[in-house]
Protein backbone atom coordinates (compact mmCIF):
# COMPACT_ATOMS: atom_id res chain seq x y z
CA UNK A 1 35.16 56.82 -25.86
CA UNK A 2 34.58 60.61 -25.72
CA UNK A 3 35.10 62.48 -28.96
CA UNK A 4 37.59 65.39 -28.76
CA UNK A 5 36.08 68.75 -29.66
CA UNK A 6 38.88 69.54 -32.13
CA UNK A 7 37.65 66.83 -34.52
CA UNK A 8 33.85 67.19 -34.56
CA UNK A 9 31.62 64.38 -35.74
CA UNK A 10 28.59 65.65 -37.63
CA UNK A 11 25.27 63.95 -38.32
CA UNK A 12 22.95 64.05 -41.31
CA UNK A 13 19.58 62.83 -42.48
CA UNK A 14 18.25 62.26 -45.98
CA UNK A 15 14.91 61.12 -47.37
CA UNK A 16 15.17 58.44 -50.04
CA UNK A 17 12.39 56.66 -51.96
CA UNK A 18 13.07 53.55 -49.87
CA UNK A 19 13.31 55.28 -46.49
CA UNK A 20 15.14 57.85 -44.41
CA UNK A 21 18.93 57.56 -43.90
CA UNK A 22 20.75 58.84 -40.81
CA UNK A 23 24.56 58.99 -40.73
CA UNK A 24 27.61 60.16 -38.81
CA UNK A 25 30.31 62.09 -40.68
CA UNK A 26 33.78 63.36 -39.89
CA UNK A 27 36.75 64.87 -41.69
CA UNK A 28 36.98 67.18 -44.67
CA UNK A 29 34.90 66.43 -47.75
CA UNK A 30 37.94 67.09 -49.99
CA UNK A 31 39.82 64.15 -48.47
CA UNK A 32 39.64 60.52 -49.59
CA UNK A 33 36.31 59.03 -48.52
CA UNK A 34 35.82 55.98 -46.30
CA UNK A 35 32.32 54.48 -45.88
CA UNK A 36 31.68 52.34 -42.78
CA UNK A 37 28.85 49.78 -42.61
CA UNK A 38 27.88 48.50 -39.17
CA UNK A 39 27.18 44.97 -37.97
CA UNK A 40 24.00 42.97 -37.48
CA UNK A 41 23.29 44.07 -33.90
CA UNK A 42 24.85 47.54 -34.07
CA UNK A 43 24.31 50.93 -35.70
CA UNK A 44 26.58 53.69 -36.98
CA UNK A 45 27.73 54.65 -33.46
CA UNK A 46 29.81 51.46 -33.60
CA UNK A 47 32.28 53.34 -35.83
CA UNK A 48 32.72 56.57 -33.87
CA UNK A 49 36.05 55.65 -32.22
CA UNK A 50 37.53 54.43 -35.53
CA UNK A 51 36.24 57.54 -37.30
CA UNK A 52 37.90 59.68 -34.64
CA UNK A 53 41.22 58.02 -35.50
CA UNK A 54 40.80 58.43 -39.27
CA UNK A 55 38.99 61.77 -39.57
CA UNK A 56 42.22 63.85 -39.60
CA UNK A 57 43.23 62.18 -42.90
CA UNK A 58 39.95 60.93 -44.42
CA UNK A 59 36.38 61.94 -45.09
CA UNK A 60 34.51 59.36 -42.97
CA UNK A 61 30.81 58.50 -43.26
CA UNK A 62 28.95 55.84 -41.30
CA UNK A 63 25.25 55.40 -42.12
CA UNK A 64 22.66 53.44 -40.23
CA UNK A 65 21.48 50.80 -42.70
CA UNK A 66 17.78 51.19 -43.41
CA UNK A 67 15.76 49.75 -40.54
CA UNK A 68 18.68 50.08 -38.10
CA UNK A 69 19.43 52.79 -35.57
CA UNK A 70 17.83 56.07 -36.63
CA UNK A 71 17.30 55.08 -40.27
CA UNK A 72 13.82 53.87 -41.13
CA UNK A 73 12.45 52.34 -44.30
CA UNK A 74 9.24 52.19 -46.29
CA UNK A 75 7.73 48.69 -46.32
CA UNK A 76 8.66 45.54 -44.43
CA UNK A 77 10.79 43.39 -46.77
CA UNK A 78 14.54 43.32 -46.17
CA UNK A 79 17.45 41.87 -48.12
CA UNK A 80 21.12 42.49 -48.77
CA UNK A 81 20.27 43.67 -52.29
CA UNK A 82 17.82 46.20 -50.83
CA UNK A 83 20.52 47.64 -48.57
CA UNK A 84 22.97 47.82 -51.49
CA UNK A 85 20.56 49.83 -53.62
CA UNK A 86 19.62 52.12 -50.72
CA UNK A 87 23.32 52.73 -50.06
CA UNK A 88 23.90 53.50 -53.74
CA UNK A 89 21.00 55.98 -53.78
CA UNK A 90 22.33 57.73 -50.69
CA UNK A 91 25.90 57.98 -52.03
CA UNK A 92 24.65 59.19 -55.41
CA UNK A 93 22.61 61.92 -53.70
CA UNK A 94 25.76 62.99 -51.82
CA UNK A 95 27.72 62.88 -55.12
CA UNK A 96 30.23 60.42 -53.70
CA UNK A 97 31.40 58.14 -56.50
CA UNK A 98 34.79 56.77 -55.32
CA UNK A 99 35.51 55.55 -51.81
CA UNK A 100 37.00 52.90 -49.57
CA UNK A 101 34.40 50.55 -48.13
CA UNK A 102 34.61 49.04 -44.64
CA UNK A 103 32.12 46.55 -43.21
CA UNK A 104 31.56 44.55 -40.04
CA UNK A 105 29.41 41.38 -39.85
CA UNK A 106 26.23 42.03 -41.89
CA UNK A 107 27.81 45.29 -43.04
CA UNK A 108 30.64 43.26 -44.58
CA UNK A 109 28.08 41.21 -46.52
CA UNK A 110 26.47 44.41 -47.83
CA UNK A 111 29.91 45.87 -48.59
CA UNK A 112 30.97 42.77 -50.52
CA UNK A 113 27.81 42.81 -52.60
CA UNK A 114 28.16 46.54 -53.20
CA UNK A 115 31.72 46.05 -54.48
CA UNK A 116 30.47 43.37 -56.87
CA UNK A 117 27.52 45.46 -58.06
CA UNK A 118 29.38 48.77 -58.41
CA UNK A 119 33.06 47.81 -58.81
CA UNK A 120 34.06 51.12 -60.38
CA UNK A 121 33.15 52.99 -57.20
CA UNK A 122 34.99 50.91 -54.59
CA UNK A 123 38.71 51.60 -54.22
CA UNK A 124 39.29 48.99 -51.52
CA UNK A 125 37.33 46.68 -49.25
CA UNK A 126 38.03 45.99 -45.57
CA UNK A 127 35.97 43.50 -43.57
CA UNK A 128 35.88 42.34 -39.96
CA UNK A 129 33.92 39.29 -38.70
CA UNK A 130 32.27 39.09 -42.14
CA UNK A 131 28.96 37.44 -42.90
CA UNK A 132 27.78 36.55 -46.41
CA UNK A 133 29.29 33.10 -46.87
CA UNK A 134 28.40 29.63 -45.67
CA UNK A 135 30.66 26.83 -44.56
CA UNK A 136 30.01 23.11 -44.29
CA UNK A 137 30.95 23.12 -40.61
CA UNK A 138 28.50 25.95 -39.88
CA UNK A 139 25.38 24.64 -41.58
CA UNK A 140 22.37 25.04 -39.35
CA UNK A 141 24.03 27.65 -37.11
CA UNK A 142 21.06 30.01 -37.51
CA UNK A 143 18.41 27.41 -36.64
CA UNK A 144 18.24 28.42 -32.97
CA UNK A 145 17.81 32.09 -33.89
CA UNK A 146 15.12 31.24 -36.42
CA UNK A 147 13.18 29.46 -33.68
CA UNK A 148 13.63 32.43 -31.34
CA UNK A 149 12.13 34.98 -33.77
CA UNK A 150 9.73 32.95 -35.97
CA UNK A 151 6.11 34.11 -35.41
CA UNK A 152 4.92 30.49 -35.39
CA UNK A 153 7.56 29.26 -32.92
CA UNK A 154 6.48 28.29 -29.37
CA UNK A 155 10.02 28.74 -28.03
CA UNK A 156 9.70 32.45 -26.99
CA UNK A 157 6.53 31.62 -25.06
CA UNK A 158 8.29 28.78 -23.27
CA UNK A 159 11.36 30.77 -22.19
CA UNK A 160 9.85 32.12 -18.92
CA UNK A 161 8.99 28.59 -17.82
CA UNK A 162 12.23 26.76 -18.59
CA UNK A 163 13.98 27.48 -15.30
CA UNK A 164 17.32 29.16 -14.65
CA UNK A 165 19.85 26.78 -16.11
CA UNK A 166 22.82 28.42 -17.84
CA UNK A 167 21.65 27.42 -21.32
CA UNK A 168 18.19 28.87 -20.63
CA UNK A 169 19.69 32.17 -19.47
CA UNK A 170 21.78 32.24 -22.67
CA UNK A 171 18.63 31.68 -24.75
CA UNK A 172 16.83 34.51 -22.97
CA UNK A 173 19.78 36.85 -23.49
CA UNK A 174 19.93 35.96 -27.17
CA UNK A 175 16.18 36.49 -27.52
CA UNK A 176 16.50 39.97 -26.01
CA UNK A 177 19.35 40.77 -28.41
CA UNK A 178 17.36 39.62 -31.43
CA UNK A 179 14.28 41.61 -30.42
CA UNK A 180 16.36 44.79 -30.35
CA UNK A 181 17.23 44.49 -34.05
CA UNK A 182 14.15 43.44 -36.02
CA UNK A 183 15.71 44.54 -39.34
CA UNK A 184 18.64 42.16 -38.84
CA UNK A 185 16.24 39.34 -37.96
CA UNK A 186 14.17 39.98 -41.08
CA UNK A 187 17.31 39.98 -43.22
CA UNK A 188 19.04 36.94 -41.71
CA UNK A 189 16.35 34.70 -40.23
CA UNK A 190 12.84 35.62 -41.38
CA UNK A 191 13.19 35.06 -45.11
CA UNK A 192 12.99 31.96 -47.23
CA UNK A 193 16.22 29.97 -47.11
CA UNK A 194 16.46 30.03 -50.91
CA UNK A 195 16.32 33.83 -50.90
CA UNK A 196 19.10 34.09 -48.34
CA UNK A 197 21.26 31.51 -50.11
CA UNK A 198 20.75 33.37 -53.38
CA UNK A 199 22.49 36.41 -51.90
CA UNK A 200 25.53 34.57 -50.54
CA UNK A 201 28.85 35.79 -51.94
CA UNK A 202 30.58 32.49 -52.69
CA UNK A 203 30.94 32.88 -56.46
CA UNK A 204 31.23 36.66 -56.40
CA UNK A 205 34.15 36.93 -53.99
CA UNK A 206 36.42 35.20 -56.51
CA UNK A 207 35.84 38.16 -58.85
CA UNK A 208 36.95 40.83 -56.35
CA UNK A 209 40.41 41.85 -57.52
CA UNK A 210 40.40 45.20 -55.75
CA UNK A 211 42.63 45.59 -52.65
CA UNK A 212 40.82 43.58 -49.98
CA UNK A 213 41.82 43.41 -46.33
CA UNK A 214 40.31 40.80 -43.98
CA UNK A 215 40.68 41.58 -40.28
CA UNK A 216 40.21 39.24 -37.34
CA UNK A 217 40.32 39.64 -33.57
CA UNK A 218 43.04 37.54 -31.95
CA UNK A 219 40.41 35.91 -29.71
CA UNK A 220 37.66 35.49 -32.32
CA UNK A 221 35.15 32.77 -31.50
CA UNK A 222 35.11 29.63 -33.61
CA UNK A 223 32.16 30.69 -35.77
CA UNK A 224 33.68 34.09 -36.61
CA UNK A 225 37.03 32.41 -37.31
CA UNK A 226 35.40 29.95 -39.69
CA UNK A 227 33.56 32.71 -41.56
CA UNK A 228 36.71 34.85 -41.76
CA UNK A 229 38.77 32.06 -43.28
CA UNK A 230 35.96 31.15 -45.67
CA UNK A 231 36.27 34.71 -47.06
CA UNK A 232 40.03 34.31 -47.26
CA UNK A 233 39.74 31.06 -49.23
CA UNK A 234 37.25 32.58 -51.68
CA UNK A 235 38.95 35.94 -52.33
CA UNK A 236 41.51 35.90 -55.18
CA UNK A 237 44.25 37.96 -53.48
CA UNK A 238 43.32 38.90 -49.90
CA UNK A 239 45.45 40.60 -47.30
CA UNK A 240 45.05 39.54 -43.68
CA UNK A 241 45.66 41.14 -40.30
CA UNK A 242 45.04 39.78 -36.82
CA UNK A 243 44.17 42.56 -34.36
CA UNK A 244 44.39 42.76 -30.61
CA UNK A 245 41.05 41.95 -29.01
CA UNK A 246 39.53 44.74 -26.90
CA UNK A 247 36.30 45.64 -25.14
CA UNK A 248 35.09 47.99 -27.89
CA UNK A 249 32.07 48.03 -30.21
CA UNK A 250 34.24 46.31 -32.85
CA UNK A 251 35.79 43.85 -30.42
CA UNK A 252 39.31 44.95 -31.46
CA UNK A 253 41.76 47.72 -30.67
CA UNK A 254 40.40 50.79 -32.50
CA UNK A 255 43.80 52.33 -33.24
CA UNK A 256 45.09 49.07 -34.74
CA UNK A 257 41.91 48.87 -36.81
CA UNK A 258 42.36 52.42 -38.14
CA UNK A 259 46.04 51.77 -38.88
CA UNK A 260 45.11 48.65 -40.87
CA UNK A 261 42.75 50.67 -43.08
CA UNK A 262 45.29 53.45 -43.54
CA UNK A 263 47.97 50.90 -44.45
CA UNK A 264 46.14 50.01 -47.65
CA UNK A 265 46.93 53.51 -48.88
CA UNK A 266 50.39 53.89 -47.31
CA UNK A 267 52.27 50.57 -47.70
CA UNK A 268 55.59 52.17 -46.83
CA UNK A 269 54.60 52.64 -43.18
CA UNK A 270 56.34 50.39 -40.61
CA UNK A 271 53.11 48.48 -40.12
CA UNK A 272 52.89 45.85 -42.85
CA UNK A 273 49.75 44.06 -43.95
CA UNK A 274 50.70 40.46 -44.61
CA UNK A 275 49.22 37.82 -46.85
CA UNK A 276 47.21 35.24 -44.96
CA UNK A 277 49.22 32.13 -44.07
CA UNK A 278 47.70 28.69 -44.46
CA UNK A 279 46.04 27.82 -41.14
CA UNK A 280 43.95 24.87 -40.06
CA UNK A 281 40.43 25.86 -38.97
CA UNK A 282 39.63 25.93 -35.32
CA UNK A 283 37.04 23.60 -33.95
CA UNK A 284 33.53 24.88 -34.58
CA UNK A 285 30.31 24.78 -32.65
CA UNK A 286 27.71 22.63 -34.42
């Protein structure tokens, strides 16, 4: 989506002790601030269409998490806690101390942990396709990806010799995707299981009493649906919105997404965020 010249999107870079942060920024600094955190296989450009919708009313900032996009980090270890502290250092350097926080996928996990670690700074939390929780029906869902990126695994070496069956082509495509985001792989797959489980948000989400909006694409796959409703069960008072699916970086209609965020501030608009209804989970992929 091209960005109109009348609402320019700026970029910035900052050196931190833990690395170098790159970000996109739009809107006036005097306006209410919204921070956007991208997903596992994305970078800050994922948010440009949504920022274009919100920049006339909000001060929008979308950083590349350290190790993603144009942000680089010192050292090799990655964790959700590391991203939270890097984000806090960056915001402190910019003197931004109150803001709305929006996260997609891995960014939602970081956003949730940030809200728990620094609750006085976060005015509201909005998540889409959120990671950071586990569900009984989804146990073992990362095993294939672990095998695809583990340095000791023979699977990547075997991929060229497995033929052209549909499942082999899917494995090759997934392997290419994983190789393009080494920071996400190190965070999600290449750590000890105990370390990853120790950062899950199960107990913490029940303590988030700030306004929290959980968004879901109308055609979300079964895994994303299961994760979304796990968040909804764990949060004390969530709001829920199903959005029209679209071929966009977020997988949803960008204008609906922006309206959902704005609705948290302006509840008297015709669009109404509704409480999540009880819904049986869809079937999941083992």
